[in-house]
Amino acid sequence: GWACTTLCLVSYAAAFSHGASLSACTDMMPRHLRVQ
């Protein structure tokens, strides 16, 4: 479970290091996990 969670978080974070996704077009909200 820990390994799966870590891999998912790493791939999720890497996706945004190259720019915002199209899902942010409307509300301009980053799709990060547990952000402040």
PDB file of all heavy atoms in Angstrom:
ATOM      1  N   GLY A   1       0.822  -1.212   0.000  1.00  0.00           N
ATOM      2  CA  GLY A   1       0.000   0.000   0.000  1.00  0.00           C
ATOM      3  C   GLY A   1       0.851   1.256   0.000  1.00  0.00           C
ATOM      4  O   GLY A   1       0.594   2.209  -0.729  1.00  0.00           O
ATOM      5  N   TRP A   2       1.910   1.259   0.802  1.00  0.00           N
ATOM      6  CA  TRP A   2       2.820   2.399   0.857  1.00  0.00           C
ATOM      7  C   TRP A   2       3.500   2.605  -0.493  1.00  0.00           C
ATOM      8  O   TRP A   2       3.599   3.716  -0.988  1.00  0.00           O
ATOM      9  CB  TRP A   2       3.857   2.163   1.961  1.00  0.00           C
ATOM     10  CG  TRP A   2       4.891   3.255   2.013  1.00  0.00           C
ATOM     11  CD1 TRP A   2       4.779   4.450   2.642  1.00  0.00           C
ATOM     12  CD2 TRP A   2       6.164   3.250   1.388  1.00  0.00           C
ATOM     13  NE1 TRP A   2       5.908   5.199   2.444  1.00  0.00           N
ATOM     14  CE2 TRP A   2       6.786   4.473   1.670  1.00  0.00           C
ATOM     15  CE3 TRP A   2       6.852   2.319   0.602  1.00  0.00           C
ATOM     16  CZ2 TRP A   2       8.055   4.800   1.209  1.00  0.00           C
ATOM     17  CZ3 TRP A   2       8.117   2.655   0.151  1.00  0.00           C
ATOM     18  CH2 TRP A   2       8.699   3.873   0.449  1.00  0.00           C
ATOM     19  N   ALA A   3       3.967   1.518  -1.100  1.00  0.00           N
ATOM     20  CA  ALA A   3       4.650   1.610  -2.394  1.00  0.00           C
ATOM     21  C   ALA A   3       3.712   2.159  -3.467  1.00  0.00           C
ATOM     22  O   ALA A   3       4.087   3.027  -4.260  1.00  0.00           O
ATOM     23  CB  ALA A   3       5.189   0.238  -2.802  1.00  0.00           C
ATOM     24  N   CYS A   4       2.495   1.664  -3.493  1.00  0.00           N
ATOM     25  CA  CYS A   4       1.515   2.134  -4.483  1.00  0.00           C
ATOM     26  C   CYS A   4       1.214   3.623  -4.276  1.00  0.00           C
ATOM     27  O   CYS A   4       1.195   4.395  -5.230  1.00  0.00           O
ATOM     28  CB  CYS A   4       0.238   1.307  -4.379  1.00  0.00           C
ATOM     29  SG  CYS A   4      -1.026   1.811  -5.561  1.00  0.00           S
ATOM     30  N   THR A   5       1.001   4.026  -3.029  1.00  0.00           N
ATOM     31  CA  THR A   5       0.718   5.427  -2.727  1.00  0.00           C
ATOM     32  C   THR A   5       1.884   6.315  -3.144  1.00  0.00           C
ATOM     33  O   THR A   5       1.698   7.363  -3.755  1.00  0.00           O
ATOM     34  CB  THR A   5       0.429   5.610  -1.220  1.00  0.00           C
ATOM     35  OG1 THR A   5      -0.693   4.803  -0.883  1.00  0.00           O
ATOM     36  CG2 THR A   5       0.144   7.063  -0.881  1.00  0.00           C
ATOM     37  N   THR A   6       3.112   5.897  -2.825  1.00  0.00           N
ATOM     38  CA  THR A   6       4.292   6.678  -3.183  1.00  0.00           C
ATOM     39  C   THR A   6       4.414   6.826  -4.689  1.00  0.00           C
ATOM     40  O   THR A   6       4.636   7.929  -5.202  1.00  0.00           O
ATOM     41  CB  THR A   6       5.562   6.017  -2.604  1.00  0.00           C
ATOM     42  OG1 THR A   6       5.412   5.937  -1.190  1.00  0.00           O
ATOM     43  CG2 THR A   6       6.805   6.818  -2.962  1.00  0.00           C
ATOM     44  N   LEU A   7       4.253   5.741  -5.424  1.00  0.00           N
ATOM     45  CA  LEU A   7       4.342   5.806  -6.886  1.00  0.00           C
ATOM     46  C   LEU A   7       3.254   6.698  -7.471  1.00  0.00           C
ATOM     47  O   LEU A   7       3.504   7.473  -8.388  1.00  0.00           O
ATOM     48  CB  LEU A   7       4.260   4.404  -7.497  1.00  0.00           C
ATOM     49  CG  LEU A   7       5.498   3.536  -7.298  1.00  0.00           C
ATOM     50  CD1 LEU A   7       5.216   2.116  -7.793  1.00  0.00           C
ATOM     51  CD2 LEU A   7       6.692   4.130  -8.005  1.00  0.00           C
ATOM     52  N   CYS A   8       2.060   6.604  -6.940  1.00  0.00           N
ATOM     53  CA  CYS A   8       0.957   7.436  -7.429  1.00  0.00           C
ATOM     54  C   CYS A   8       1.246   8.913  -7.168  1.00  0.00           C
ATOM     55  O   CYS A   8       1.039   9.752  -8.034  1.00  0.00           O
ATOM     56  CB  CYS A   8      -0.362   7.048  -6.766  1.00  0.00           C
ATOM     57  SG  CYS A   8      -0.973   5.446  -7.311  1.00  0.00           S
ATOM     58  N   LEU A   9       1.732   9.238  -5.966  1.00  0.00           N
ATOM     59  CA  LEU A   9       2.031  10.636  -5.631  1.00  0.00           C
ATOM     60  C   LEU A   9       3.162  11.180  -6.483  1.00  0.00           C
ATOM     61  O   LEU A   9       3.108  12.308  -6.958  1.00  0.00           O
ATOM     62  CB  LEU A   9       2.376  10.778  -4.154  1.00  0.00           C
ATOM     63  CG  LEU A   9       1.212  10.660  -3.179  1.00  0.00           C
ATOM     64  CD1 LEU A   9       1.730  10.689  -1.747  1.00  0.00           C
ATOM     65  CD2 LEU A   9       0.197  11.757  -3.406  1.00  0.00           C
ATOM     66  N   VAL A  10       4.202  10.386  -6.707  1.00  0.00           N
ATOM     67  CA  VAL A  10       5.333  10.843  -7.514  1.00  0.00           C
ATOM     68  C   VAL A  10       4.884  11.105  -8.941  1.00  0.00           C
ATOM     69  O   VAL A  10       5.193  12.144  -9.521  1.00  0.00           O
ATOM     70  CB  VAL A  10       6.486   9.811  -7.472  1.00  0.00           C
ATOM     71  CG1 VAL A  10       7.526  10.113  -8.534  1.00  0.00           C
ATOM     72  CG2 VAL A  10       7.127   9.810  -6.091  1.00  0.00           C
ATOM     73  N   SER A  11       4.118  10.211  -9.530  1.00  0.00           N
ATOM     74  CA  SER A  11       3.667  10.425 -10.906  1.00  0.00           C
ATOM     75  C   SER A  11       2.672  11.577 -10.972  1.00  0.00           C
ATOM     76  O   SER A  11       2.676  12.352 -11.922  1.00  0.00           O
ATOM     77  CB  SER A  11       3.051   9.147 -11.487  1.00  0.00           C
ATOM     78  OG  SER A  11       1.908   8.787 -10.765  1.00  0.00           O
ATOM     79  N   TYR A  12       1.838  11.750  -9.952  1.00  0.00           N
ATOM     80  CA  TYR A  12       0.869  12.844  -9.915  1.00  0.00           C
ATOM     81  C   TYR A  12       1.595  14.183  -9.830  1.00  0.00           C
ATOM     82  O   TYR A  12       1.295  15.119 -10.549  1.00  0.00           O
ATOM     83  CB  TYR A  12      -0.052  12.653  -8.702  1.00  0.00           C
ATOM     84  CG  TYR A  12      -1.293  13.500  -8.700  1.00  0.00           C
ATOM     85  CD1 TYR A  12      -2.375  13.167  -9.516  1.00  0.00           C
ATOM     86  CD2 TYR A  12      -1.399  14.615  -7.878  1.00  0.00           C
ATOM     87  CE1 TYR A  12      -3.525  13.930  -9.501  1.00  0.00           C
ATOM     88  CE2 TYR A  12      -2.547  15.380  -7.866  1.00  0.00           C
ATOM     89  CZ  TYR A  12      -3.609  15.028  -8.680  1.00  0.00           C
ATOM     90  OH  TYR A  12      -4.748  15.789  -8.669  1.00  0.00           O
ATOM     91  N   ALA A  13       2.617  14.258  -8.964  1.00  0.00           N
ATOM     92  CA  ALA A  13       3.376  15.505  -8.802  1.00  0.00           C
ATOM     93  C   ALA A  13       4.177  15.808 -10.052  1.00  0.00           C
ATOM     94  O   ALA A  13       4.285  16.958 -10.472  1.00  0.00           O
ATOM     95  CB  ALA A  13       4.303  15.396  -7.596  1.00  0.00           C
ATOM     96  N   ALA A  14       4.753  14.800 -10.679  1.00  0.00           N
ATOM     97  CA  ALA A  14       5.566  15.027 -11.869  1.00  0.00           C
ATOM     98  C   ALA A  14       4.730  15.588 -13.011  1.00  0.00           C
ATOM     99  O   ALA A  14       5.215  16.357 -13.828  1.00  0.00           O
ATOM    100  CB  ALA A  14       6.232  13.716 -12.294  1.00  0.00           C
ATOM    101  N   ALA A  15       3.461  15.232 -13.065  1.00  0.00           N
ATOM    102  CA  ALA A  15       2.594  15.705 -14.142  1.00  0.00           C
ATOM    103  C   ALA A  15       2.472  17.222 -14.142  1.00  0.00           C
ATOM    104  O   ALA A  15       2.361  17.838 -15.177  1.00  0.00           O
ATOM    105  CB  ALA A  15       1.209  15.070 -14.014  1.00  0.00           C
ATOM    106  N   PHE A  16       2.503  17.872 -12.964  1.00  0.00           N
ATOM    107  CA  PHE A  16       2.318  19.310 -12.874  1.00  0.00           C
ATOM    108  C   PHE A  16       3.621  20.086 -12.948  1.00  0.00           C
ATOM    109  O   PHE A  16       3.603  21.292 -13.024  1.00  0.00           O
ATOM    110  CB  PHE A  16       1.556  19.667 -11.598  1.00  0.00           C
ATOM    111  CG  PHE A  16       0.174  19.083 -11.595  1.00  0.00           C
ATOM    112  CD1 PHE A  16      -0.153  18.063 -10.731  1.00  0.00           C
ATOM    113  CD2 PHE A  16      -0.783  19.541 -12.476  1.00  0.00           C
ATOM    114  CE1 PHE A  16      -1.427  17.507 -10.738  1.00  0.00           C
ATOM    115  CE2 PHE A  16      -2.059  18.998 -12.486  1.00  0.00           C
ATOM    116  CZ  PHE A  16      -2.376  17.972 -11.618  1.00  0.00           C
ATOM    117  N   SER A  17       4.769  19.397 -12.908  1.00  0.00           N
ATOM    118  CA  SER A  17       6.029  20.114 -12.983  1.00  0.00           C
ATOM    119  C   SER A  17       6.241  20.692 -14.375  1.00  0.00           C
ATOM    120  O   SER A  17       7.083  21.555 -14.568  1.00  0.00           O
ATOM    121  CB  SER A  17       7.193  19.199 -12.591  1.00  0.00           C
ATOM    122  OG  SER A  17       7.345  18.166 -13.539  1.00  0.00           O
ATOM    123  N   HIS A  18       5.473  20.253 -15.337  1.00  0.00           N
ATOM    124  CA  HIS A  18       5.585  20.751 -16.710  1.00  0.00           C
ATOM    125  C   HIS A  18       4.412  21.630 -17.097  1.00  0.00           C
ATOM    126  O   HIS A  18       4.154  21.840 -18.271  1.00  0.00           O
ATOM    127  CB  HIS A  18       5.728  19.584 -17.687  1.00  0.00           C
ATOM    128  CG  HIS A  18       6.939  18.763 -17.411  1.00  0.00           C
ATOM    129  ND1 HIS A  18       8.225  19.241 -17.585  1.00  0.00           N
ATOM    130  CD2 HIS A  18       7.076  17.511 -16.933  1.00  0.00           C
ATOM    131  CE1 HIS A  18       9.092  18.312 -17.248  1.00  0.00           C
ATOM    132  NE2 HIS A  18       8.423  17.251 -16.843  1.00  0.00           N
ATOM    133  N   GLY A  19       3.667  22.135 -16.126  1.00  0.00           N
ATOM    134  CA  GLY A  19       2.583  23.060 -16.404  1.00  0.00           C
ATOM    135  C   GLY A  19       1.244  22.572 -15.907  1.00  0.00           C
ATOM    136  O   GLY A  19       1.068  21.405 -15.559  1.00  0.00           O
ATOM    137  N   ALA A  20       0.315  23.514 -15.884  1.00  0.00           N
ATOM    138  CA  ALA A  20      -1.039  23.208 -15.438  1.00  0.00           C
ATOM    139  C   ALA A  20      -1.725  22.292 -16.449  1.00  0.00           C
ATOM    140  O   ALA A  20      -1.419  22.316 -17.636  1.00  0.00           O
ATOM    141  CB  ALA A  20      -1.837  24.496 -15.272  1.00  0.00           C
ATOM    142  N   SER A  21      -2.671  21.516 -15.953  1.00  0.00           N
ATOM    143  CA  SER A  21      -3.432  20.645 -16.841  1.00  0.00           C
ATOM    144  C   SER A  21      -4.652  21.396 -17.371  1.00  0.00           C
ATOM    145  O   SER A  21      -5.056  22.429 -16.829  1.00  0.00           O
ATOM    146  CB  SER A  21      -3.874  19.385 -16.097  1.00  0.00           C
ATOM    147  OG  SER A  21      -4.874  19.699 -15.155  1.00  0.00           O
ATOM    148  N   LEU A  22      -5.253  20.866 -18.411  1.00  0.00           N
ATOM    149  CA  LEU A  22      -6.440  21.496 -18.993  1.00  0.00           C
ATOM    150  C   LEU A  22      -7.613  21.506 -18.019  1.00  0.00           C
ATOM    151  O   LEU A  22      -8.531  22.308 -18.171  1.00  0.00           O
ATOM    152  CB  LEU A  22      -6.827  20.787 -20.294  1.00  0.00           C
ATOM    153  CG  LEU A  22      -5.830  20.965 -21.442  1.00  0.00           C
ATOM    154  CD1 LEU A  22      -6.264  20.147 -22.651  1.00  0.00           C
ATOM    155  CD2 LEU A  22      -5.662  22.428 -21.814  1.00  0.00           C
ATOM    156  N   SER A  23      -7.557  20.667 -16.992  1.00  0.00           N
ATOM    157  CA  SER A  23      -8.640  20.663 -16.004  1.00  0.00           C
ATOM    158  C   SER A  23      -8.681  21.960 -15.201  1.00  0.00           C
ATOM    159  O   SER A  23      -9.675  22.255 -14.549  1.00  0.00           O
ATOM    160  CB  SER A  23      -8.509  19.463 -15.067  1.00  0.00           C
ATOM    161  OG  SER A  23      -7.318  19.564 -14.306  1.00  0.00           O
ATOM    162  N   ALA A  24      -7.614  22.755 -15.256  1.00  0.00           N
ATOM    163  CA  ALA A  24      -7.571  24.029 -14.526  1.00  0.00           C
ATOM    164  C   ALA A  24      -8.085  25.199 -15.370  1.00  0.00           C
ATOM    165  O   ALA A  24      -8.161  26.320 -14.870  1.00  0.00           O
ATOM    166  CB  ALA A  24      -6.145  24.320 -14.071  1.00  0.00           C
ATOM    167  N   CYS A  25      -8.454  24.962 -16.610  1.00  0.00           N
ATOM    168  CA  CYS A  25      -8.871  26.044 -17.503  1.00  0.00           C
ATOM    169  C   CYS A  25     -10.011  26.891 -16.945  1.00  0.00           C
ATOM    170  O   CYS A  25      -9.954  28.117 -16.986  1.00  0.00           O
ATOM    171  CB  CYS A  25      -9.291  25.488 -18.858  1.00  0.00           C
ATOM    172  SG  CYS A  25      -7.908  24.981 -19.902  1.00  0.00           S
ATOM    173  N   THR A  26     -11.039  26.278 -16.434  1.00  0.00           N
ATOM    174  CA  THR A  26     -12.233  27.004 -16.028  1.00  0.00           C
ATOM    175  C   THR A  26     -12.066  27.748 -14.715  1.00  0.00           C
ATOM    176  O   THR A  26     -12.333  28.943 -14.645  1.00  0.00           O
ATOM    177  CB  THR A  26     -13.433  26.038 -15.932  1.00  0.00           C
ATOM    178  OG1 THR A  26     -13.565  25.377 -17.193  1.00  0.00           O
ATOM    179  CG2 THR A  26     -14.709  26.790 -15.617  1.00  0.00           C
ATOM    180  N   ASP A  27     -11.600  27.067 -13.656  1.00  0.00           N
ATOM    181  CA  ASP A  27     -11.530  27.711 -12.345  1.00  0.00           C
ATOM    182  C   ASP A  27     -10.130  28.166 -11.945  1.00  0.00           C
ATOM    183  O   ASP A  27      -9.954  28.780 -10.896  1.00  0.00           O
ATOM    184  CB  ASP A  27     -12.116  26.807 -11.267  1.00  0.00           C
ATOM    185  CG  ASP A  27     -11.369  25.487 -11.121  1.00  0.00           C
ATOM    186  OD1 ASP A  27     -10.291  25.312 -11.734  1.00  0.00           O
ATOM    187  OD2 ASP A  27     -11.870  24.617 -10.387  1.00  0.00           O
ATOM    188  N   MET A  28      -9.125  27.861 -12.759  1.00  0.00           N
ATOM    189  CA  MET A  28      -7.730  28.235 -12.523  1.00  0.00           C
ATOM    190  C   MET A  28      -7.169  27.667 -11.219  1.00  0.00           C
ATOM    191  O   MET A  28      -6.249  28.218 -10.627  1.00  0.00           O
ATOM    192  CB  MET A  28      -7.562  29.765 -12.573  1.00  0.00           C
ATOM    193  CG  MET A  28      -7.932  30.365 -13.910  1.00  0.00           C
ATOM    194  SD  MET A  28      -7.570  32.127 -14.033  1.00  0.00           S
ATOM    195  CE  MET A  28      -5.783  32.089 -14.198  1.00  0.00           C
ATOM    196  N   MET A  29      -7.713  26.555 -10.761  1.00  0.00           N
ATOM    197  CA  MET A  29      -7.271  25.915  -9.523  1.00  0.00           C
ATOM    198  C   MET A  29      -6.257  24.818  -9.835  1.00  0.00           C
ATOM    199  O   MET A  29      -6.536  23.951 -10.667  1.00  0.00           O
ATOM    200  CB  MET A  29      -8.451  25.277  -8.793  1.00  0.00           C
ATOM    201  CG  MET A  29      -9.469  26.264  -8.277  1.00  0.00           C
ATOM    202  SD  MET A  29      -8.932  27.110  -6.810  1.00  0.00           S
ATOM    203  CE  MET A  29      -9.196  25.840  -5.608  1.00  0.00           C
ATOM    204  N   PRO A  30      -5.098  24.841  -9.165  1.00  0.00           N
ATOM    205  CA  PRO A  30      -4.163  23.722  -9.314  1.00  0.00           C
ATOM    206  C   PRO A  30      -4.820  22.441  -8.807  1.00  0.00           C
ATOM    207  O   PRO A  30      -5.616  22.482  -7.879  1.00  0.00           O
ATOM    208  CB  PRO A  30      -2.989  24.111  -8.415  1.00  0.00           C
ATOM    209  CG  PRO A  30      -3.102  25.585  -8.240  1.00  0.00           C
ATOM    210  CD  PRO A  30      -4.573  25.888  -8.302  1.00  0.00           C
ATOM    211  N   ARG A  31      -4.496  21.341  -9.412  1.00  0.00           N
ATOM    212  CA  ARG A  31      -5.067  20.063  -8.993  1.00  0.00           C
ATOM    213  C   ARG A  31      -4.054  19.303  -8.146  1.00  0.00           C
ATOM    214  O   ARG A  31      -3.751  18.156  -8.378  1.00  0.00           O
ATOM    215  CB  ARG A  31      -5.473  19.234 -10.221  1.00  0.00           C
ATOM    216  CG  ARG A  31      -6.534  19.893 -11.085  1.00  0.00           C
ATOM    217  CD  ARG A  31      -7.814  20.128 -10.295  1.00  0.00           C
ATOM    218  NE  ARG A  31      -8.900  20.584 -11.130  1.00  0.00           N
ATOM    219  CZ  ARG A  31      -9.337  21.831 -11.173  1.00  0.00           C
ATOM    220  NH1 ARG A  31      -8.772  22.767 -10.455  1.00  0.00           N
ATOM    221  NH2 ARG A  31     -10.354  22.162 -11.943  1.00  0.00           N
ATOM    222  N   HIS A  32      -3.504  19.989  -7.136  1.00  0.00           N
ATOM    223  CA  HIS A  32      -2.545  19.379  -6.222  1.00  0.00           C
ATOM    224  C   HIS A  32      -3.306  18.706  -5.089  1.00  0.00           C
ATOM    225  O   HIS A  32      -4.440  19.050  -4.797  1.00  0.00           O
ATOM    226  CB  HIS A  32      -1.629  20.440  -5.624  1.00  0.00           C
ATOM    227  CG  HIS A  32      -0.784  21.144  -6.643  1.00  0.00           C
ATOM    228  ND1 HIS A  32       0.117  22.108  -6.294  1.00  0.00           N
ATOM    229  CD2 HIS A  32      -0.694  21.031  -7.984  1.00  0.00           C
ATOM    230  CE1 HIS A  32       0.723  22.556  -7.368  1.00  0.00           C
ATOM    231  NE2 HIS A  32       0.244  21.924  -8.406  1.00  0.00           N
ATOM    232  N   LEU A  33      -2.634  17.791  -4.401  1.00  0.00           N
ATOM    233  CA  LEU A  33      -3.228  17.129  -3.251  1.00  0.00           C
ATOM    234  C   LEU A  33      -2.995  17.960  -2.002  1.00  0.00           C
ATOM    235  O   LEU A  33      -1.909  18.487  -1.794  1.00  0.00           O
ATOM    236  CB  LEU A  33      -2.597  15.748  -3.053  1.00  0.00           C
ATOM    237  CG  LEU A  33      -2.748  14.777  -4.218  1.00  0.00           C
ATOM    238  CD1 LEU A  33      -1.988  13.505  -3.922  1.00  0.00           C
ATOM    239  CD2 LEU A  33      -4.208  14.477  -4.463  1.00  0.00           C
ATOM    240  N   ARG A  34      -4.014  18.091  -1.164  1.00  0.00           N
ATOM    241  CA  ARG A  34      -3.931  18.752   0.133  1.00  0.00           C
ATOM    242  C   ARG A  34      -3.146  20.055   0.095  1.00  0.00           C
ATOM    243  O   ARG A  34      -2.177  20.241   0.794  1.00  0.00           O
ATOM    244  CB  ARG A  34      -3.321  17.822   1.166  1.00  0.00           C
ATOM    245  CG  ARG A  34      -4.290  16.739   1.579  1.00  0.00           C
ATOM    246  CD  ARG A  34      -3.739  15.956   2.721  1.00  0.00           C
ATOM    247  NE  ARG A  34      -2.905  14.892   2.178  1.00  0.00           N
ATOM    248  CZ  ARG A  34      -1.956  14.278   2.842  1.00  0.00           C
ATOM    249  NH1 ARG A  34      -1.667  14.618   4.061  1.00  0.00           N
ATOM    250  NH2 ARG A  34      -1.281  13.315   2.299  1.00  0.00           N
ATOM    251  N   VAL A  35      -3.563  20.973  -0.731  1.00  0.00           N
ATOM    252  CA  VAL A  35      -2.874  22.251  -0.825  1.00  0.00           C
ATOM    253  C   VAL A  35      -3.449  23.253   0.160  1.00  0.00           C
ATOM    254  O   VAL A  35      -4.568  23.116   0.627  1.00  0.00           O
ATOM    255  CB  VAL A  35      -2.960  22.829  -2.253  1.00  0.00           C
ATOM    256  CG1 VAL A  35      -2.154  21.997  -3.213  1.00  0.00           C
ATOM    257  CG2 VAL A  35      -4.385  22.960  -2.700  1.00  0.00           C
ATOM    258  N   GLN A  36      -2.687  24.272   0.433  1.00  0.00           N
ATOM    259  CA  GLN A  36      -3.120  25.356   1.296  1.00  0.00           C
ATOM    260  C   GLN A  36      -3.439  26.541   0.400  1.00  0.00           C
ATOM    261  O   GLN A  36      -2.552  27.140  -0.194  1.00  0.00           O
ATOM    262  CB  GLN A  36      -2.002  25.711   2.274  1.00  0.00           C
ATOM    263  CG  GLN A  36      -2.345  26.844   3.201  1.00  0.00           C
ATOM    264  CD  GLN A  36      -1.186  27.153   4.135  1.00  0.00           C
ATOM    265  OE1 GLN A  36      -0.172  26.467   4.146  1.00  0.00           O
ATOM    266  NE2 GLN A  36      -1.332  28.198   4.902  1.00  0.00           N
TER     267      GLN A  36
END
